[in-house]
Protein backbone atom coordinates (compact mmCIF):
# COMPACT_ATOMS: atom_id res chain seq x y z
CA MET A 1 -15.93 -9.70 -4.61
CA ARG A 2 -19.12 -11.78 -4.68
CA ASN A 3 -17.36 -14.58 -6.57
CA ILE A 4 -14.54 -14.59 -4.02
CA ILE A 5 -16.97 -14.82 -1.11
CA GLU A 6 -18.95 -17.63 -2.71
CA ARG A 7 -15.79 -19.57 -3.49
CA MET A 8 -14.46 -19.11 0.04
CA LEU A 9 -17.75 -20.05 1.64
CA GLU A 10 -18.03 -23.29 -0.33
CA SER A 11 -14.44 -24.19 0.52
CA PHE A 12 -14.96 -23.28 4.19
CA TYR A 13 -17.95 -25.60 4.55
CA GLY A 14 -16.17 -28.29 2.56
CA LYS A 15 -13.19 -28.22 4.91
CA TYR A 16 -14.87 -27.55 8.24
CA GLY A 17 -18.49 -28.68 7.82
CA ASP A 18 -21.58 -27.36 9.68
CA ARG A 19 -23.36 -25.28 7.04
CA ASN A 20 -25.78 -24.02 9.68
CA SER A 21 -23.08 -21.95 11.40
CA LYS A 22 -21.99 -19.00 9.24
CA PRO A 23 -18.40 -17.69 9.51
CA VAL A 24 -17.45 -14.03 9.84
CA LEU A 25 -15.53 -12.34 7.01
CA PHE A 26 -12.73 -9.76 7.25
CA PHE A 27 -10.57 -8.04 4.62
CA SER A 28 -7.25 -6.17 4.70
CA PRO A 29 -5.69 -4.61 1.59
CA GLY A 30 -2.24 -4.80 0.16
CA ARG A 31 -0.46 -1.55 -0.51
CA VAL A 32 1.79 0.13 -3.00
CA ASN A 33 4.26 2.79 -1.90
CA LEU A 34 4.26 5.68 -4.35
CA ILE A 35 7.52 7.16 -3.03
CA GLY A 36 9.61 6.91 0.12
CA GLU A 37 11.47 3.59 0.03
CA HIS A 38 13.61 2.19 2.84
CA THR A 39 12.83 5.26 4.91
CA ASP A 40 10.21 3.73 7.22
CA TYR A 41 12.60 1.81 9.47
CA ASN A 42 14.80 4.88 9.53
CA GLY A 43 12.04 7.00 11.10
CA GLY A 44 11.36 8.78 7.85
CA PHE A 45 8.50 9.74 5.54
CA VAL A 46 6.54 7.40 3.26
CA PHE A 47 3.62 7.87 0.87
CA PRO A 48 1.72 4.60 0.31
CA CYS A 49 -1.86 3.86 -0.62
CA ALA A 50 -4.06 0.84 0.03
CA LEU A 51 -5.12 -1.22 -2.98
CA ASN A 52 -8.40 -2.85 -3.92
CA PHE A 53 -6.88 -6.31 -3.53
CA GLY A 54 -5.59 -7.95 -0.39
CA THR A 55 -6.35 -10.80 2.02
CA TYR A 56 -9.75 -12.18 3.00
CA LEU A 57 -10.33 -14.23 6.15
CA MET A 58 -13.35 -16.33 7.06
CA ILE A 59 -13.31 -17.36 10.71
CA ARG A 60 -15.64 -19.25 13.04
CA ASN A 61 -15.49 -20.63 16.58
CA ASN A 62 -15.39 -24.42 16.30
CA GLY A 63 -16.06 -25.18 19.96
CA GLY A 64 -12.92 -27.29 20.17
CA LYS A 65 -9.38 -26.92 21.47
CA ASN A 66 -7.56 -26.41 18.17
CA ILE A 67 -7.07 -23.50 15.77
CA ARG A 68 -7.21 -24.78 12.21
CA PHE A 69 -5.57 -22.88 9.34
CA SER A 70 -6.17 -23.30 5.62
CA THR A 71 -5.98 -21.13 2.52
CA LEU A 72 -7.17 -21.19 -1.05
CA ASN A 73 -3.67 -20.13 -2.13
CA PHE A 74 -1.70 -23.19 -0.95
CA THR A 75 -2.42 -26.82 -0.12
CA GLU A 76 -0.56 -26.58 3.21
CA GLU A 77 -2.87 -26.71 6.25
CA HIS A 78 -2.17 -26.74 9.99
CA SER A 79 -4.00 -27.43 13.24
CA VAL A 80 -2.53 -25.90 16.40
CA PRO A 81 -3.73 -26.48 19.99
CA VAL A 82 -4.95 -23.36 21.80
CA LYS A 83 -2.08 -22.17 24.01
CA GLU A 84 -0.89 -19.16 25.96
CA GLU A 85 2.28 -19.10 23.84
CA TYR A 86 2.86 -20.33 20.30
CA LYS A 87 6.01 -21.43 18.48
CA ARG A 88 7.05 -20.89 14.87
CA ILE A 89 6.25 -23.53 12.30
CA GLU A 90 9.36 -23.87 10.18
CA ARG A 91 9.02 -22.24 6.73
CA SER A 92 5.23 -21.92 6.79
CA TRP A 93 2.81 -19.20 5.69
CA VAL A 94 0.91 -19.89 8.92
CA ASN A 95 3.56 -17.98 10.90
CA TYR A 96 2.05 -14.66 9.78
CA PRO A 97 -1.40 -15.19 11.35
CA LEU A 98 -0.01 -17.35 14.15
CA GLY A 99 2.41 -14.60 15.16
CA VAL A 100 -0.53 -12.19 15.49
CA ILE A 101 -2.52 -14.70 17.53
CA ASN A 102 0.55 -15.11 19.74
CA GLU A 103 0.75 -11.35 20.36
CA PHE A 104 -2.89 -11.32 21.49
CA ALA A 105 -2.20 -14.28 23.77
CA LYS A 106 0.67 -12.37 25.38
CA LEU A 107 -1.83 -9.61 26.18
CA GLY A 108 -4.16 -12.15 27.78
CA TYR A 109 -6.61 -12.49 24.86
CA LEU A 110 -6.70 -16.16 23.83
CA LEU A 111 -8.35 -17.00 20.55
CA PRO A 112 -10.62 -19.99 21.26
CA GLY A 113 -10.68 -23.05 19.06
CA SER A 114 -11.45 -21.64 15.61
CA ASP A 115 -11.50 -22.47 11.93
CA LEU A 116 -9.72 -20.00 9.65
CA LEU A 117 -9.76 -19.87 5.86
CA PHE A 118 -7.64 -17.28 4.05
CA TYR A 119 -7.62 -16.13 0.46
CA GLY A 120 -5.23 -13.54 -0.92
CA ASP A 121 -5.28 -11.88 -4.33
CA VAL A 122 -2.09 -9.91 -3.58
CA PRO A 123 0.67 -11.53 -5.68
CA ASN A 124 2.82 -13.36 -3.13
CA GLY A 125 6.40 -12.09 -3.03
CA ALA A 126 5.64 -9.13 -5.31
CA GLY A 127 6.43 -6.47 -2.72
CA LEU A 128 2.82 -5.33 -2.33
CA SER A 129 2.61 -6.36 1.33
CA SER A 130 0.84 -9.69 1.20
CA SER A 131 2.37 -10.47 4.62
CA ALA A 132 1.09 -7.26 6.22
CA SER A 133 -2.40 -7.82 4.82
CA ILE A 134 -2.45 -11.34 6.31
CA GLU A 135 -1.32 -9.98 9.67
CA MET A 136 -3.80 -7.11 9.69
CA VAL A 137 -6.79 -9.21 8.63
CA THR A 138 -5.94 -11.68 11.40
CA ALA A 139 -5.54 -8.87 13.93
CA CYS A 140 -8.94 -7.38 13.05
CA ALA A 141 -10.62 -10.77 13.35
CA VAL A 142 -8.97 -11.80 16.62
CA ASN A 143 -9.59 -8.35 18.07
CA GLU A 144 -13.33 -8.71 17.49
CA ILE A 145 -13.70 -12.37 18.39
CA THR A 146 -11.77 -12.15 21.66
CA GLY A 147 -13.39 -8.84 22.62
CA ALA A 148 -9.96 -7.27 23.07
CA GLY A 149 -11.22 -3.93 21.76
CA LEU A 150 -7.80 -2.67 20.70
CA ALA A 151 -7.63 0.53 18.65
CA LEU A 152 -6.61 0.30 15.00
CA ILE A 153 -3.19 1.84 15.69
CA ASP A 154 -2.59 -0.85 18.32
CA LEU A 155 -3.47 -3.55 15.79
CA VAL A 156 -0.95 -2.01 13.40
CA LYS A 157 1.80 -2.04 16.03
CA LEU A 158 0.89 -5.55 17.15
CA SER A 159 1.05 -6.85 13.58
CA GLN A 160 4.43 -5.26 12.98
CA LYS A 161 5.71 -6.78 16.21
CA ALA A 162 4.49 -10.20 15.11
CA GLU A 163 6.44 -9.95 11.87
CA ASN A 164 9.56 -8.59 13.58
CA ILE A 165 9.71 -11.13 16.39
CA PHE A 166 7.71 -14.21 15.40
CA VAL A 167 8.36 -14.29 11.65
CA GLY A 168 11.84 -12.81 11.98
CA MET A 169 11.50 -10.05 9.38
CA ASN A 170 12.76 -6.73 10.72
CA CYS A 171 10.27 -4.61 8.72
CA GLY A 172 9.21 -1.05 9.43
CA ILE A 173 5.63 -0.05 10.22
CA MET A 174 4.56 1.34 6.84
CA ASP A 175 3.03 -1.83 5.40
CA GLN A 176 0.76 -2.60 8.35
CA PHE A 177 -0.15 1.09 8.72
CA ALA A 178 -1.18 1.43 5.08
CA SER A 179 -3.18 -1.80 5.24
CA GLY A 180 -4.99 -0.59 8.35
CA PHE A 181 -5.49 3.11 7.67
CA GLY A 182 -6.00 3.16 3.91
CA LYS A 183 -8.71 5.44 2.52
CA LYS A 184 -10.36 5.17 -0.87
CA ASP A 185 -8.83 7.49 -3.50
CA HIS A 186 -6.26 8.81 -1.01
CA ALA A 187 -2.59 8.19 -0.29
CA ILE A 188 -1.17 8.29 3.23
CA PHE A 189 1.57 10.77 4.08
CA LEU A 190 3.09 9.10 7.13
CA ASN A 191 5.85 10.12 9.50
CA CYS A 192 7.14 6.71 10.59
CA ASP A 193 8.85 8.17 13.64
CA THR A 194 5.84 9.89 15.22
CA LEU A 195 3.07 8.01 13.30
CA ASP A 196 1.48 11.35 12.48
CA TYR A 197 -0.30 10.98 9.15
CA GLU A 198 -2.43 12.79 6.61
CA ASN A 199 -4.77 11.35 3.98
CA VAL A 200 -3.93 13.17 0.75
CA PRO A 201 -6.35 12.98 -2.22
CA LEU A 202 -4.74 11.01 -5.04
CA ILE A 203 -6.09 12.79 -8.10
CA LEU A 204 -4.26 11.67 -11.24
CA GLY A 205 -6.69 13.03 -13.84
CA ASP A 206 -5.88 11.53 -17.23
CA TYR A 207 -3.19 9.28 -15.73
CA SER A 208 -3.40 5.79 -14.25
CA LEU A 209 -1.39 3.83 -11.72
CA ILE A 210 0.19 0.76 -13.30
CA ILE A 211 1.90 -1.86 -11.16
CA THR A 212 4.25 -4.18 -13.02
CA ASN A 213 5.37 -7.43 -11.42
CA THR A 214 8.85 -8.69 -12.32
CA ASN A 215 7.77 -12.20 -11.31
CA LYS A 216 11.20 -12.60 -9.79
CA ARG A 217 10.36 -14.04 -6.40
CA ARG A 218 12.28 -12.69 -3.49
CA GLY A 219 11.86 -13.64 0.12
CA LEU A 220 12.74 -10.65 2.27
CA THR A 221 14.24 -12.77 5.02
CA ASP A 222 16.58 -14.23 2.40
CA SER A 223 17.44 -10.88 0.83
CA LYS A 224 19.82 -8.14 1.90
CA TYR A 225 17.05 -6.22 3.63
CA ASN A 226 18.38 -6.81 7.14
CA GLU A 227 21.87 -5.97 5.90
CA ARG A 228 20.64 -2.56 4.73
CA ARG A 229 19.09 -1.93 8.13
CA ALA A 230 22.41 -2.71 9.80
CA GLU A 231 24.22 -0.34 7.44
CA CYS A 232 21.79 2.45 8.33
CA ASP A 233 22.31 1.76 12.03
CA LYS A 234 26.05 2.05 11.41
CA ALA A 235 25.53 5.42 9.74
CA VAL A 236 23.69 6.63 12.83
CA GLU A 237 26.63 5.52 14.98
CA TYR A 238 29.05 7.52 12.84
CA LEU A 239 26.82 10.62 12.91
CA GLN A 240 26.62 10.48 16.69
CA ALA A 241 30.03 12.16 16.60
CA TYR A 242 28.29 15.16 15.03
CA ARG A 243 25.19 15.27 17.23
CA LYS A 244 22.89 12.89 19.06
CA ILE A 245 20.33 11.36 16.72
CA ARG A 246 18.05 8.34 17.07
CA ASN A 247 17.67 7.59 13.38
CA LEU A 248 18.91 8.75 9.99
CA SER A 249 15.78 10.74 9.25
CA GLU A 250 16.68 13.28 11.91
CA THR A 251 19.32 14.45 9.42
CA GLY A 252 17.98 16.80 6.75
CA THR A 253 18.98 17.35 3.13
CA ASP A 254 20.67 20.58 4.22
CA GLU A 255 23.14 18.44 6.18
CA LEU A 256 24.24 16.15 3.35
CA ALA A 257 27.74 17.66 3.29
CA LEU A 258 28.29 16.29 6.79
CA LEU A 259 28.14 12.72 5.54
CA ASN A 260 31.56 12.93 3.90
CA LYS A 261 33.03 14.35 7.07
CA TYR A 262 31.63 11.88 9.60
CA ILE A 263 31.08 8.63 7.67
CA PRO A 264 34.39 7.06 6.56
CA ASP A 265 32.80 3.94 5.07
CA GLU A 266 31.78 4.62 1.44
CA ILE A 267 29.04 1.97 1.42
CA VAL A 268 27.49 3.24 4.66
CA LEU A 269 27.70 6.81 3.32
CA LYS A 270 25.75 5.84 0.20
CA ARG A 271 23.02 4.18 2.24
CA ALA A 272 22.67 7.28 4.43
CA ARG A 273 22.58 9.56 1.39
CA HIS A 274 19.69 7.62 -0.10
CA VAL A 275 17.60 7.76 3.08
CA ILE A 276 18.15 11.48 3.60
CA THR A 277 17.49 12.48 -0.01
CA GLU A 278 14.49 10.13 -0.22
CA ASN A 279 12.88 11.88 2.74
CA GLY A 280 13.33 15.14 0.89
CA ARG A 281 11.69 13.68 -2.19
CA VAL A 282 8.66 12.52 -0.22
CA LEU A 283 8.14 15.97 1.29
CA GLU A 284 8.29 17.59 -2.15
CA ALA A 285 6.12 14.87 -3.71
CA VAL A 286 3.29 15.50 -1.26
CA LYS A 287 3.55 19.24 -1.88
CA VAL A 288 3.43 19.01 -5.68
CA LEU A 289 0.60 16.45 -5.60
CA LYS A 290 -1.51 18.90 -3.60
CA GLU A 291 -0.67 21.49 -6.25
CA ASN A 292 -1.80 19.04 -8.97
CA ASN A 293 1.71 19.05 -10.46
CA ILE A 294 1.68 15.41 -11.53
CA ALA A 295 4.62 15.93 -13.92
CA ARG A 296 6.94 16.90 -11.07
CA PHE A 297 5.61 14.02 -8.97
CA GLY A 298 6.69 11.68 -11.78
CA GLU A 299 10.17 13.25 -11.91
CA LEU A 300 10.58 12.62 -8.19
CA MET A 301 9.57 8.97 -8.69
CA ASN A 302 12.32 8.65 -11.30
CA GLN A 303 14.88 10.23 -8.98
CA SER A 304 13.82 7.84 -6.24
CA HIS A 305 14.55 4.80 -8.38
CA ASP A 306 17.92 6.15 -9.46
CA SER A 307 18.87 6.58 -5.81
CA LEU A 308 17.64 3.10 -4.91
CA ARG A 309 19.76 1.74 -7.74
CA GLY A 310 22.93 3.76 -7.18
CA ASP A 311 23.08 4.51 -3.46
CA TYR A 312 20.96 1.79 -1.87
CA GLU A 313 21.67 -0.96 -4.44
CA VAL A 314 18.39 -2.83 -4.08
CA THR A 315 17.12 -2.95 -7.67
CA GLY A 316 18.68 -5.49 -10.04
CA ILE A 317 18.33 -6.17 -13.77
CA GLU A 318 14.64 -7.06 -13.61
CA LEU A 319 13.46 -3.89 -11.88
CA ASP A 320 15.91 -1.71 -13.81
CA THR A 321 14.73 -3.11 -17.13
CA LEU A 322 11.11 -2.29 -16.33
CA VAL A 323 12.00 1.22 -15.17
CA TYR A 324 14.45 2.32 -17.83
CA GLU A 325 12.52 0.76 -20.72
CA GLY A 326 9.38 2.38 -19.31
CA ARG A 327 10.94 5.83 -19.31
CA LYS A 328 11.38 5.61 -23.08
CA ILE A 329 7.63 5.36 -23.66
CA ALA A 330 5.46 8.41 -24.33
CA GLY A 331 2.94 9.16 -21.62
CA VAL A 332 5.01 7.70 -18.76
CA LEU A 333 5.46 10.50 -16.22
CA GLY A 334 7.34 8.46 -13.64
CA THR A 335 8.26 4.88 -12.83
CA ARG A 336 10.16 3.32 -9.94
CA MET A 337 10.61 0.16 -7.96
CA THR A 338 8.29 -0.18 -4.98
CA GLY A 339 8.77 -2.31 -1.89
CA ALA A 340 12.00 -3.71 -0.55
CA GLY A 341 13.53 -4.43 -3.95
CA PHE A 342 15.56 -7.39 -5.22
CA GLY A 343 12.54 -8.26 -7.37
CA GLY A 344 8.90 -7.49 -6.76
CA CYS A 345 7.15 -4.65 -8.57
CA THR A 346 7.44 -1.24 -10.12
CA VAL A 347 4.80 1.48 -9.86
CA SER A 348 4.29 3.85 -12.76
CA ILE A 349 2.12 6.84 -13.67
CA VAL A 350 1.00 6.38 -17.27
CA HIS A 351 -1.34 8.46 -19.40
CA LYS A 352 -4.56 6.55 -20.06
CA ASP A 353 -4.06 6.90 -23.82
CA HIS A 354 -0.69 5.12 -23.59
CA VAL A 355 -1.48 2.26 -21.19
CA GLU A 356 -1.87 -0.32 -23.96
CA GLU A 357 1.36 0.83 -25.62
CA TYR A 358 3.15 0.71 -22.26
CA ILE A 359 2.03 -2.85 -21.54
CA ASN A 360 2.84 -4.13 -25.03
CA THR A 361 6.25 -2.46 -25.21
CA ILE A 362 7.35 -3.48 -21.73
CA THR A 363 6.12 -7.04 -22.24
CA GLU A 364 8.38 -7.51 -25.27
CA ALA A 365 11.44 -5.69 -23.91
CA TYR A 366 11.31 -7.31 -20.49
CA THR A 367 11.09 -10.87 -21.78
CA ARG A 368 13.81 -10.22 -24.33
CA LYS A 369 16.22 -8.87 -21.71
CA THR A 370 15.44 -11.10 -18.72
CA GLY A 371 13.75 -14.22 -20.01
CA LEU A 372 10.87 -13.59 -17.59
CA ASN A 373 7.27 -12.56 -18.21
CA ALA A 374 5.92 -9.47 -16.48
CA ASP A 375 2.39 -9.14 -15.12
CA PHE A 376 0.49 -5.85 -15.06
CA TYR A 377 -2.16 -4.54 -12.66
CA GLN A 378 -4.28 -1.40 -12.88
CA PRO A 379 -5.51 -1.11 -9.30
CA SER A 380 -7.88 1.31 -7.72
CA VAL A 381 -7.05 2.88 -4.38
CA GLY A 382 -9.19 1.34 -1.67
CA ASN A 383 -10.06 1.45 2.01
CA GLY A 384 -8.20 -0.14 4.91
CA SER A 385 -8.90 -3.18 7.08
CA GLY A 386 -12.27 -4.16 8.44
CA ARG A 387 -15.18 -6.58 8.61
CA ILE A 388 -17.26 -7.34 5.52
CA GLU A 389 -20.93 -8.14 5.87
CA PHE A 390 -22.23 -10.75 3.44
């Protein structure tokens, strides 16, 4: 981290000047979801954990009338006049922090003229919530600088709202929640309907988490993500004939037989079946993890991917190649896509003695079948958002 801070500080002073006025530093992590995919916006259960990489933000009041944005990740920079209401900048990364600043402004908390420098070591577009980490780090910073004093849960909700409305991505709340509430060496068992949660110790013993990046870029707003949401909403409409429900996750696995009776559309039925069975898998996964039954946890991860491939249809050749080639390797307990799909990453539980074999074997098979090169990460599970003293 020290190298990151030194690099950011030198860039900050190079861009904005005044080395006698030190900026403040904040950090928010990315996340990986261990199991529970496409359930969050259906009011269901998820089981993510925060990672030890994410987004850093250096920020300082500049005494002027403009908010200036820059990042070490891209050359694109922007300067925006302080306003009570902000507008989207077409196809710009700045919309993520600007949307958060806009939400604070709507509450009456105006960020004064400030200089902002971001740096993210979450692979962009990999499905590890780089957008949520940008939003949450901005929310933490603006919350402190404006003196808004909002609670962490309010920052989570505000950040989700910014992405839904300002950015135009109809995401659920899991990503922002995991980035905000992460706890070192724990996963978060979250009910996305009630926001009740439990930090569950993530004790893998002789096994490691391996994240594998397909390096197939996918922009969620350009994917079929919103289409899947609409299909789930349609399933709820059909099931209203059975009983009044607000979301798919109010239907349990013991009611699966009702889907054939009340949902005439085969595609919509498949989407509903995934959500309902995935909720069941999360509940069992949390239970077996507490019992230290890592083998069963891995089996549930495998079942999750199969459902995401067959019923939800959000995988594709890149993710499927990583998963099904990975299952052939000794020491791999479970492997599945994580995130929205259509590219991004897989998450796997691999015995420490077989990590090198896993990486070497997957590297060769993946390139041979897809023409792409995979990247591998062995993250630790870290804490959530907050200020960093330096």
